[in-house]
Structures are given as structure tokens and as C-alpha cells.
Amino acid sequence: MRIVRVQAYQVDLPLHEGSYNWSGGKSVEVFDSTIVRIETDEGVTGHGEVCPLGSAYLPAFATAARTGIAELAPQLIGQDPTAILPLNRLMESRLKGHPYAKSAIDIACWDILGQVSRQPVCTLLGGRYGEDFPLYRAISQEAPDAMAARVARYREEGYRKFQLKVGADPETDIERIRAVAALMQRGDVLIADANTGWLKHQAMRVVRAVVDVDLYIEQPCLTYEECLSIRQHTDHPFVLDECVDSIAMLNRGHADHAMDVVNIKISKFGGLTGAKLARDLCVSLGVAVTIEDSWGGDITTAAIAHLAHSTPPEFLFTATDFNSYVTVSTAEGAPLRNGGRLAASEAPGLGIEPRMDVLGDPVLAVS
């Protein structure tokens, strides 16, 4: 089997809530997503998606993702898409770094491998555990009462894990945490996610002020060293996210006892291949994981679902369903939440079929 064509499509993904707000006054109203389509000489076609969270979150942005895909696409023609590791080594040799630009290609190749082997991707990633798995709901940064109201609504929809977007003025963040904590019931989980937004002194103020609250602290500061300092001054369970972008950082964090949970964003590790490696390392080290990505729609959610569903439940802290946040559906067969939980498709590959009328004309076509 050989790759004969690579196409890329640009799709806007507006939000149901109008905007998504997090630390530093950052906000996105419409997400710019890129969907990759890989066609083979045997008629099997795979799809992947990459959708950075704007251009001011991680070192990634949508037009750069498409530029990277355009750089790699000619190198893919004639390659075997089911030879996952050799293909990843080829991409790395042709484009150093920029893992997010390789992510959608890698996901599309896993989709092809699943279809060829007649197995769901989650089976290929390690096997399916149970019927479904729990999701978290990110609560966009607003006034404390407004955030509490959203949590109450999402509890009614079945969510039991809530990630509050904090990382602003410490006094207001403390009010946000306490307003939501007052609503928590047995079995609920509360995460205060600063998205790198606090300076160390601000983070210290917050963690001391909420010492009596049962919650997780997530990525309070920009650098690993700053986060480690806060970790060493609080008894709250600790989540690392933005600063963990490699296997080396995972090993360092484990050696330093820097975290209890790690968020694995698929595109940050270059696709499912790297994310699976990171997931498996965390499991072997005894570190729980959240499976997610920067953002995305139906295809990203499908990829998340397959990696999450193949993670041992005791190590799966939670996962996310981005397609429930946006107003545009890009694929049939994508997993849909049910009572705050999600399940990967049992169909071969990712189990999705793109809505070509939504994707429109390709912005890139190489054959």
C-alpha cells in the first residue's frame, strides 16, 4: 500500500458559548482547524485533524500547521501509511520540530492502519477498557457566579469533573474556586487550571488561600521550574500540562516528583504515535493522565476517544470531547458524549466519515 494523494482542508469551528476565555485575557471565538486526508493506491483513505488553541497559547498556530503539512506532503507520496514508525522518522528527518504540523498526518495513518487491519484504533493502541470513560468540562473564565452557574448546568448534563479557567487576579480566582467548590458533591472533581497565567507569588497566594478546598492545581506558572516550586509548597494534587512536551520532560517531572497527573495533548507529541508513547510511559511510572488536545472537532475527538479508551482506567484521570463545544460537525460516526462519558467507535480505524460538504474544497492537494 502506498500514499498517492495528500489533501488538507480548512474548517472554522465556532463555539456554542460564543467565546472561550483563559488566562492573560486570551480568548477565541472561532477555532481554525485543519483536516488532512490521505489517499492510498488501494482505495483506503484516512483522516486526521489538528487545531491549535489560537496563536498565543502554545508554539503552534493554524497557518503554520498547514505550512508544515505542505512541506511534508510531497515526502509522503509513495510511502506506506501503515508503516507508522518509519513514516514518523521520515517526517522528523524532513521537518525538525513542529510536532503539531505532523499530528494530523500521523492520526490519518493510524486511521488507515485500523481500516486495513479491520480493527478500531483503540485496539491497536493497546485494547479497549470497559464500556466508556469519564470526561471533564472546561469552564471558560468569567465572573465567579457565572462560572458557578455553568458548572451547575454541566453537572445536570452528567459531567463530574470540572476544569476552571483561572490564572488571572488572585483575589478573583480565589472567589471563582470557592464559588464552584460550594457546588461540589461526593464524586465530583475540581481542577483550577491557570494555563501558566500566575506569577509565582500569585500562585502561592491562591494555593494558600484555598488550602481547605478539595481541588487539583494545574499548571500555575509558565515554566517547569516555577511550577515545581509551587508544587513543593502545597499539598494539593498537581497537574502539569503546557510545560510537558516531550518524553524527556516526563522523565524529569517524575524524577522531581513534580506532578500527580499529566495532560497529554496529542498534537503536542506529534500525533497518536508520540502520545501513545507518553501515555505508556506515564502508566509505567504510575502517573495518571488526561487525554486531550489543544482543540478540535469530530476527528480530534475521535482520536482522543481511541487513546483514552485504550488507557487503563485507574490511570485515566479524564479526557475531553471537543466536538460538544463547537457548532460545526465535520464527520459522521464521531463519538458523542452520554451523561458526561464518551466511548470510542467500534468500527475499523477512527470510525469516522468526513462530511465533504462541510470540508469544502481542499486548501492543499499533493499527488
Protein backbone atom coordinates (compact mmCIF):
# COMPACT_ATOMS: atom_id res chain seq x y z
CA MET A 1 0.00 0.00 0.00
CA ARG A 2 1.28 3.43 -0.95
CA ILE A 3 0.16 7.03 -0.42
CA VAL A 4 -0.94 8.61 -3.69
CA ARG A 5 -2.52 11.88 -2.54
CA VAL A 6 -2.44 14.20 0.47
CA GLN A 7 -5.08 16.89 0.87
CA ALA A 8 -5.72 19.45 3.59
CA TYR A 9 -8.95 21.29 4.39
CA GLN A 10 -9.51 24.38 6.50
CA VAL A 11 -12.66 24.47 8.65
CA ASP A 12 -13.91 27.15 11.05
CA LEU A 13 -15.30 25.81 14.33
CA PRO A 14 -17.46 28.41 16.15
CA LEU A 15 -18.28 27.84 19.83
CA HIS A 16 -21.71 27.22 21.33
CA GLU A 17 -20.87 29.58 24.19
CA GLY A 18 -19.65 32.35 21.87
CA SER A 19 -16.09 32.53 23.18
CA TYR A 20 -13.53 30.56 25.16
CA ASN A 21 -11.54 32.62 27.65
CA TRP A 22 -8.48 31.73 29.70
CA SER A 23 -5.51 33.32 31.46
CA GLY A 24 -3.90 36.56 30.34
CA GLY A 25 -7.06 37.83 28.68
CA LYS A 26 -6.71 35.30 25.87
CA SER A 27 -9.90 34.45 24.03
CA VAL A 28 -11.02 32.58 20.92
CA GLU A 29 -14.44 32.75 19.27
CA VAL A 30 -13.83 30.62 16.17
CA PHE A 31 -11.24 27.86 16.04
CA ASP A 32 -9.23 27.40 12.86
CA SER A 33 -8.99 23.64 12.25
CA THR A 34 -7.07 21.70 9.60
CA ILE A 35 -8.22 18.28 8.42
CA VAL A 36 -5.81 16.05 6.50
CA ARG A 37 -6.98 13.42 4.02
CA ILE A 38 -4.55 10.71 2.90
CA GLU A 39 -5.50 8.55 -0.08
CA THR A 40 -3.81 5.27 -0.98
CA ASP A 41 -3.41 3.20 -4.12
CA GLU A 42 -5.69 0.52 -2.62
CA GLY A 43 -8.65 2.84 -2.16
CA VAL A 44 -8.30 3.19 1.62
CA THR A 45 -8.46 6.78 2.87
CA GLY A 46 -7.51 8.10 6.31
CA HIS A 47 -8.21 11.37 8.08
CA GLY A 48 -6.64 13.39 10.85
CA GLU A 49 -7.13 16.81 12.41
CA VAL A 50 -5.03 19.48 14.10
CA CYS A 51 -6.48 22.59 15.72
CA PRO A 52 -4.22 24.87 17.78
CA LEU A 53 -5.79 26.96 20.53
CA GLY A 54 -5.33 30.24 18.70
CA SER A 55 -1.84 31.62 18.12
CA ALA A 56 -0.93 32.81 21.64
CA TYR A 57 -1.22 29.61 23.66
CA LEU A 58 1.45 27.08 22.63
CA PRO A 59 4.19 27.48 19.98
CA ALA A 60 1.68 26.46 17.31
CA PHE A 61 -0.86 28.17 15.09
CA ALA A 62 -3.18 27.10 12.31
CA THR A 63 -1.49 28.61 9.26
CA ALA A 64 1.85 27.22 10.43
CA ALA A 65 0.27 23.75 10.74
CA ARG A 66 -0.87 23.94 7.12
CA THR A 67 2.53 25.24 6.04
CA GLY A 68 4.19 22.29 7.77
CA ILE A 69 1.78 19.85 6.15
CA ALA A 70 2.55 21.40 2.74
CA GLU A 71 6.25 20.94 3.43
CA LEU A 72 5.81 17.28 4.33
CA ALA A 73 3.15 16.22 1.82
CA PRO A 74 5.49 15.67 -1.17
CA GLN A 75 7.71 13.48 1.02
CA LEU A 76 4.74 11.23 1.84
CA ILE A 77 3.86 10.29 -1.72
CA GLY A 78 4.84 6.69 -2.35
CA GLN A 79 5.27 5.87 1.35
CA ASP A 80 3.47 3.06 3.16
CA PRO A 81 0.98 4.73 5.57
CA THR A 82 0.73 1.59 7.70
CA ALA A 83 4.47 1.70 8.50
CA ILE A 84 3.77 4.13 11.33
CA LEU A 85 7.22 4.39 12.94
CA PRO A 86 9.22 4.63 9.70
CA LEU A 87 6.81 7.31 8.48
CA ASN A 88 7.26 9.28 11.71
CA ARG A 89 11.05 9.04 11.37
CA LEU A 90 10.76 10.25 7.80
CA MET A 91 8.70 13.27 8.85
CA GLU A 92 11.16 14.13 11.60
CA SER A 93 14.09 13.91 9.17
CA ARG A 94 12.32 16.23 6.71
CA LEU A 95 10.97 18.76 9.21
CA LYS A 96 12.71 19.22 12.54
CA GLY A 97 10.38 20.00 15.41
CA HIS A 98 6.89 21.39 14.78
CA PRO A 99 5.15 18.26 16.11
CA TYR A 100 1.69 19.79 15.72
CA ALA A 101 2.26 20.02 11.95
CA LYS A 102 2.80 16.24 11.85
CA SER A 103 -0.06 15.29 14.14
CA ALA A 104 -2.94 15.17 11.65
CA ILE A 105 -0.80 13.14 9.22
CA ASP A 106 0.06 10.62 11.93
CA ILE A 107 -3.59 10.33 13.01
CA ALA A 108 -4.67 9.76 9.40
CA CYS A 109 -2.14 6.94 9.08
CA TRP A 110 -3.50 5.26 12.23
CA ASP A 111 -6.96 5.59 10.68
CA ILE A 112 -5.70 3.77 7.58
CA LEU A 113 -3.93 1.11 9.64
CA GLY A 114 -7.13 0.42 11.54
CA GLN A 115 -9.17 0.11 8.37
CA VAL A 116 -6.64 -2.21 6.73
CA SER A 117 -6.41 -4.44 9.82
CA ARG A 118 -10.18 -4.19 10.37
CA GLN A 119 -9.63 -3.04 13.94
CA PRO A 120 -10.64 0.10 15.82
CA VAL A 121 -7.66 2.32 16.50
CA CYS A 122 -8.11 1.84 20.27
CA THR A 123 -7.44 -1.89 19.80
CA LEU A 124 -4.19 -1.07 18.00
CA LEU A 125 -3.24 1.40 20.74
CA GLY A 126 -3.50 -1.24 23.46
CA GLY A 127 -7.04 -2.55 23.69
CA ARG A 128 -10.41 -1.26 24.88
CA TYR A 129 -11.08 -0.95 28.62
CA GLY A 130 -14.72 -1.05 29.69
CA GLU A 131 -17.73 0.47 28.01
CA ASP A 132 -16.80 4.15 28.23
CA PHE A 133 -14.71 6.67 30.19
CA PRO A 134 -15.26 9.95 32.08
CA LEU A 135 -14.96 13.42 30.59
CA TYR A 136 -14.12 16.77 32.09
CA ARG A 137 -15.73 20.06 31.21
CA ALA A 138 -13.60 23.17 30.79
CA ILE A 139 -15.26 26.23 32.30
CA SER A 140 -14.33 29.37 30.40
CA GLN A 141 -13.07 32.26 32.51
CA GLU A 142 -15.87 34.57 33.64
CA ALA A 143 -17.10 36.18 36.84
CA PRO A 144 -17.25 33.73 39.78
CA ASP A 145 -21.06 33.49 39.83
CA ALA A 146 -21.23 32.93 36.08
CA MET A 147 -18.68 30.13 36.25
CA ALA A 148 -20.55 28.52 39.14
CA ALA A 149 -23.78 28.68 37.11
CA ARG A 150 -22.10 26.91 34.19
CA VAL A 151 -20.78 24.19 36.47
CA ALA A 152 -24.27 23.64 37.87
CA ARG A 153 -25.65 23.29 34.35
CA TYR A 154 -22.94 20.87 33.25
CA ARG A 155 -23.47 18.77 36.36
CA GLU A 156 -27.06 18.29 35.19
CA GLU A 157 -25.67 17.05 31.85
CA GLY A 158 -23.67 14.36 33.62
CA TYR A 159 -20.19 15.85 33.96
CA ARG A 160 -18.47 15.21 37.28
CA LYS A 161 -15.05 16.73 36.58
CA PHE A 162 -14.68 20.47 36.10
CA GLN A 163 -11.63 22.40 34.94
CA LEU A 164 -11.94 26.03 35.98
CA LYS A 165 -10.02 28.53 33.90
CA VAL A 166 -8.23 30.74 36.39
CA GLY A 167 -4.80 32.39 36.15
CA ALA A 168 -5.94 35.99 36.50
CA ASP A 169 -6.24 38.31 39.50
CA PRO A 170 -5.60 36.14 42.61
CA GLU A 171 -8.49 37.57 44.63
CA THR A 172 -10.96 36.91 41.83
CA ASP A 173 -9.52 33.46 41.19
CA ILE A 174 -9.95 32.58 44.85
CA GLU A 175 -13.58 33.69 44.59
CA ARG A 176 -14.01 31.58 41.44
CA ILE A 177 -12.65 28.49 43.15
CA ARG A 178 -14.74 28.92 46.28
CA ALA A 179 -17.93 29.69 44.34
CA VAL A 180 -17.62 26.45 42.40
CA ALA A 181 -16.32 24.38 45.32
CA ALA A 182 -19.53 25.18 47.18
CA LEU A 183 -21.45 23.25 44.50
CA MET A 184 -19.29 20.12 44.54
CA GLN A 185 -20.84 16.85 45.61
CA ARG A 186 -19.36 13.49 46.52
CA GLY A 187 -17.60 12.07 43.45
CA ASP A 188 -17.07 15.46 41.80
CA VAL A 189 -13.56 16.61 40.89
CA LEU A 190 -12.48 20.26 40.75
CA ILE A 191 -9.39 21.44 38.88
CA ALA A 192 -8.08 25.01 38.98
CA ASP A 193 -6.25 25.46 35.68
CA ALA A 194 -4.17 28.63 35.47
CA ASN A 195 -2.81 27.83 31.98
CA THR A 196 0.58 29.31 33.01
CA GLY A 197 -1.14 32.58 33.98
CA TRP A 198 0.15 33.22 37.52
CA LEU A 199 3.49 34.54 38.62
CA LYS A 200 4.95 32.53 41.50
CA HIS A 201 3.87 34.95 44.20
CA GLN A 202 0.32 34.99 42.82
CA ALA A 203 0.17 31.20 42.66
CA MET A 204 1.39 30.98 46.25
CA ARG A 205 -1.35 33.34 47.39
CA VAL A 206 -4.04 31.27 45.72
CA VAL A 207 -2.91 27.84 46.89
CA ARG A 208 -2.59 29.11 50.48
CA ALA A 209 -5.99 30.79 50.35
CA VAL A 210 -7.74 27.59 49.20
CA VAL A 211 -5.79 25.15 51.36
CA ASP A 212 -9.08 23.85 52.80
CA VAL A 213 -10.63 23.18 49.36
CA ASP A 214 -10.51 19.74 47.76
CA LEU A 215 -9.12 20.51 44.31
CA TYR A 216 -6.28 19.95 41.88
CA ILE A 217 -3.87 22.72 40.86
CA GLU A 218 -2.99 22.70 37.15
CA GLN A 219 -0.01 24.41 35.50
CA PRO A 220 0.03 27.50 37.73
CA CYS A 221 3.07 29.17 36.12
CA LEU A 222 4.85 29.39 32.80
CA THR A 223 7.98 27.35 33.40
CA TYR A 224 8.55 23.89 34.78
CA GLU A 225 10.83 25.28 37.49
CA GLU A 226 8.19 27.74 38.69
CA CYS A 227 5.54 25.03 38.75
CA LEU A 228 7.86 22.74 40.70
CA SER A 229 8.37 25.49 43.27
CA ILE A 230 4.62 25.82 43.80
CA ARG A 231 4.26 22.04 43.93
CA GLN A 232 6.79 21.97 46.77
CA HIS A 233 4.72 24.50 48.75
CA THR A 234 1.27 22.93 48.50
CA ASP A 235 -0.45 19.69 49.48
CA HIS A 236 -2.93 19.93 46.61
CA PRO A 237 -2.59 17.22 43.94
CA PHE A 238 -0.75 18.71 40.99
CA VAL A 239 -1.31 18.59 37.23
CA LEU A 240 1.29 19.57 34.63
CA ASP A 241 0.27 20.47 31.09
CA GLU A 242 1.89 23.12 28.92
CA CYS A 243 5.47 22.56 30.07
CA VAL A 244 5.39 18.81 29.40
CA ASP A 245 6.07 18.48 25.69
CA SER A 246 8.49 15.56 25.44
CA ILE A 247 9.42 12.20 26.89
CA ALA A 248 12.46 13.85 28.45
CA MET A 249 10.21 16.29 30.35
CA LEU A 250 8.01 13.43 31.54
CA ASN A 251 11.04 11.64 32.93
CA ARG A 252 12.30 14.82 34.56
CA GLY A 253 8.93 15.55 36.12
CA HIS A 254 8.70 12.05 37.52
CA ALA A 255 12.24 12.19 38.94
CA ASP A 256 11.45 15.51 40.63
CA HIS A 257 8.06 14.33 41.96
CA ALA A 258 6.65 17.33 40.12
CA MET A 259 3.20 16.05 39.27
CA ASP A 260 0.43 13.61 40.08
CA VAL A 261 -1.33 13.95 36.71
CA VAL A 262 -0.04 14.86 33.24
CA ASN A 263 -2.17 16.24 30.43
CA ILE A 264 -1.22 14.58 27.14
CA LYS A 265 -2.18 16.75 24.19
CA ILE A 266 -2.00 14.61 21.06
CA SER A 267 -0.69 17.32 18.72
CA LYS A 268 1.99 18.39 21.22
CA PHE A 269 3.52 14.92 20.85
CA GLY A 270 3.20 14.83 17.05
CA GLY A 271 0.13 12.61 16.86
CA LEU A 272 -1.12 9.34 18.29
CA THR A 273 2.28 7.66 17.94
CA GLY A 274 4.04 10.06 20.32
CA ALA A 275 1.00 10.45 22.56
CA LYS A 276 0.75 6.68 22.99
CA LEU A 277 4.43 6.54 23.96
CA ALA A 278 3.89 9.30 26.53
CA ARG A 279 0.75 7.57 27.84
CA ASP A 280 2.50 4.22 28.18
CA LEU A 281 5.45 5.81 29.98
CA CYS A 282 3.11 7.52 32.45
CA VAL A 283 1.34 4.24 33.12
CA SER A 284 4.67 2.50 33.75
CA LEU A 285 5.69 5.32 36.12
CA GLY A 286 2.37 5.32 37.98
CA VAL A 287 1.32 8.79 36.83
CA ALA A 288 -2.31 9.42 35.87
CA VAL A 289 -3.08 11.08 32.53
CA THR A 290 -5.66 13.32 30.93
CA ILE A 291 -6.04 12.59 27.22
CA GLU A 292 -6.86 15.65 25.14
CA ASP A 293 -5.51 18.06 22.53
CA SER A 294 -5.22 21.81 22.09
CA TRP A 295 -8.64 21.89 20.42
CA GLY A 296 -10.53 20.31 17.53
CA GLY A 297 -13.80 18.91 16.27
CA ASP A 298 -15.15 15.48 15.43
CA ILE A 299 -11.93 13.92 14.14
CA THR A 300 -9.80 15.17 17.04
CA THR A 301 -12.46 13.93 19.45
CA ALA A 302 -12.38 10.51 17.76
CA ALA A 303 -8.58 10.34 18.14
CA ILE A 304 -8.84 11.36 21.81
CA ALA A 305 -11.51 8.73 22.39
CA HIS A 306 -9.39 5.91 20.96
CA LEU A 307 -6.33 6.82 23.02
CA ALA A 308 -8.39 7.35 26.18
CA HIS A 309 -10.39 4.14 25.76
CA SER A 310 -7.14 2.17 25.45
CA THR A 311 -5.75 3.64 28.69
CA PRO A 312 -6.06 1.55 31.88
CA PRO A 313 -8.98 3.14 33.79
CA GLU A 314 -7.03 3.55 37.03
CA PHE A 315 -4.54 5.75 35.14
CA LEU A 316 -7.08 7.70 33.08
CA PHE A 317 -7.78 10.81 35.11
CA THR A 318 -10.13 12.16 32.45
CA ALA A 319 -10.47 13.15 28.78
CA THR A 320 -12.34 15.71 26.73
CA ASP A 321 -14.94 15.83 23.95
CA PHE A 322 -14.19 18.95 21.93
CA ASN A 323 -16.96 18.29 19.41
CA SER A 324 -19.56 19.12 22.06
CA TYR A 325 -18.10 22.64 22.43
CA VAL A 326 -18.43 23.63 18.76
CA THR A 327 -21.35 24.25 16.43
CA VAL A 328 -19.99 22.56 13.28
CA SER A 329 -19.85 18.81 12.75
CA THR A 330 -17.15 17.72 10.30
CA ALA A 331 -17.62 13.93 10.34
CA GLU A 332 -20.23 11.19 10.63
CA GLY A 333 -19.62 8.50 13.22
CA ALA A 334 -17.72 10.69 15.68
CA PRO A 335 -18.15 9.78 19.35
CA LEU A 336 -20.77 11.79 21.23
CA ARG A 337 -20.90 12.26 24.98
CA ASN A 338 -23.53 10.49 27.01
CA GLY A 339 -24.01 11.58 30.59
CA GLY A 340 -20.55 13.09 30.89
CA ARG A 341 -18.88 10.00 29.40
CA LEU A 342 -17.55 9.00 25.99
CA ALA A 343 -16.74 5.81 24.07
CA ALA A 344 -14.52 5.17 21.08
CA SER A 345 -16.10 3.79 17.93
CA GLU A 346 -16.01 0.03 17.44
CA ALA A 347 -15.72 0.44 13.67
CA PRO A 348 -12.36 -0.07 11.93
CA GLY A 349 -9.95 2.86 12.06
CA LEU A 350 -11.19 6.01 13.75
CA GLY A 351 -14.74 5.06 12.78
CA ILE A 352 -15.50 8.42 11.16
CA GLU A 353 -16.51 9.56 7.70
CA PRO A 354 -15.85 13.24 6.89
CA ARG A 355 -18.70 15.45 5.76
CA MET A 356 -17.16 16.60 2.49
CA ASP A 357 -19.85 19.23 2.02
CA VAL A 358 -18.64 20.84 5.25
CA LEU A 359 -14.95 20.49 4.40
CA GLY A 360 -15.42 22.14 1.01
CA ASP A 361 -12.51 22.44 -1.41
CA PRO A 362 -9.02 21.48 -0.25
CA VAL A 363 -6.54 24.25 0.51
CA LEU A 364 -3.73 21.82 -0.30
CA ALA A 365 -3.58 18.88 -2.72
CA VAL A 366 -0.39 16.96 -3.46
CA SER A 367 -0.17 13.81 -5.56
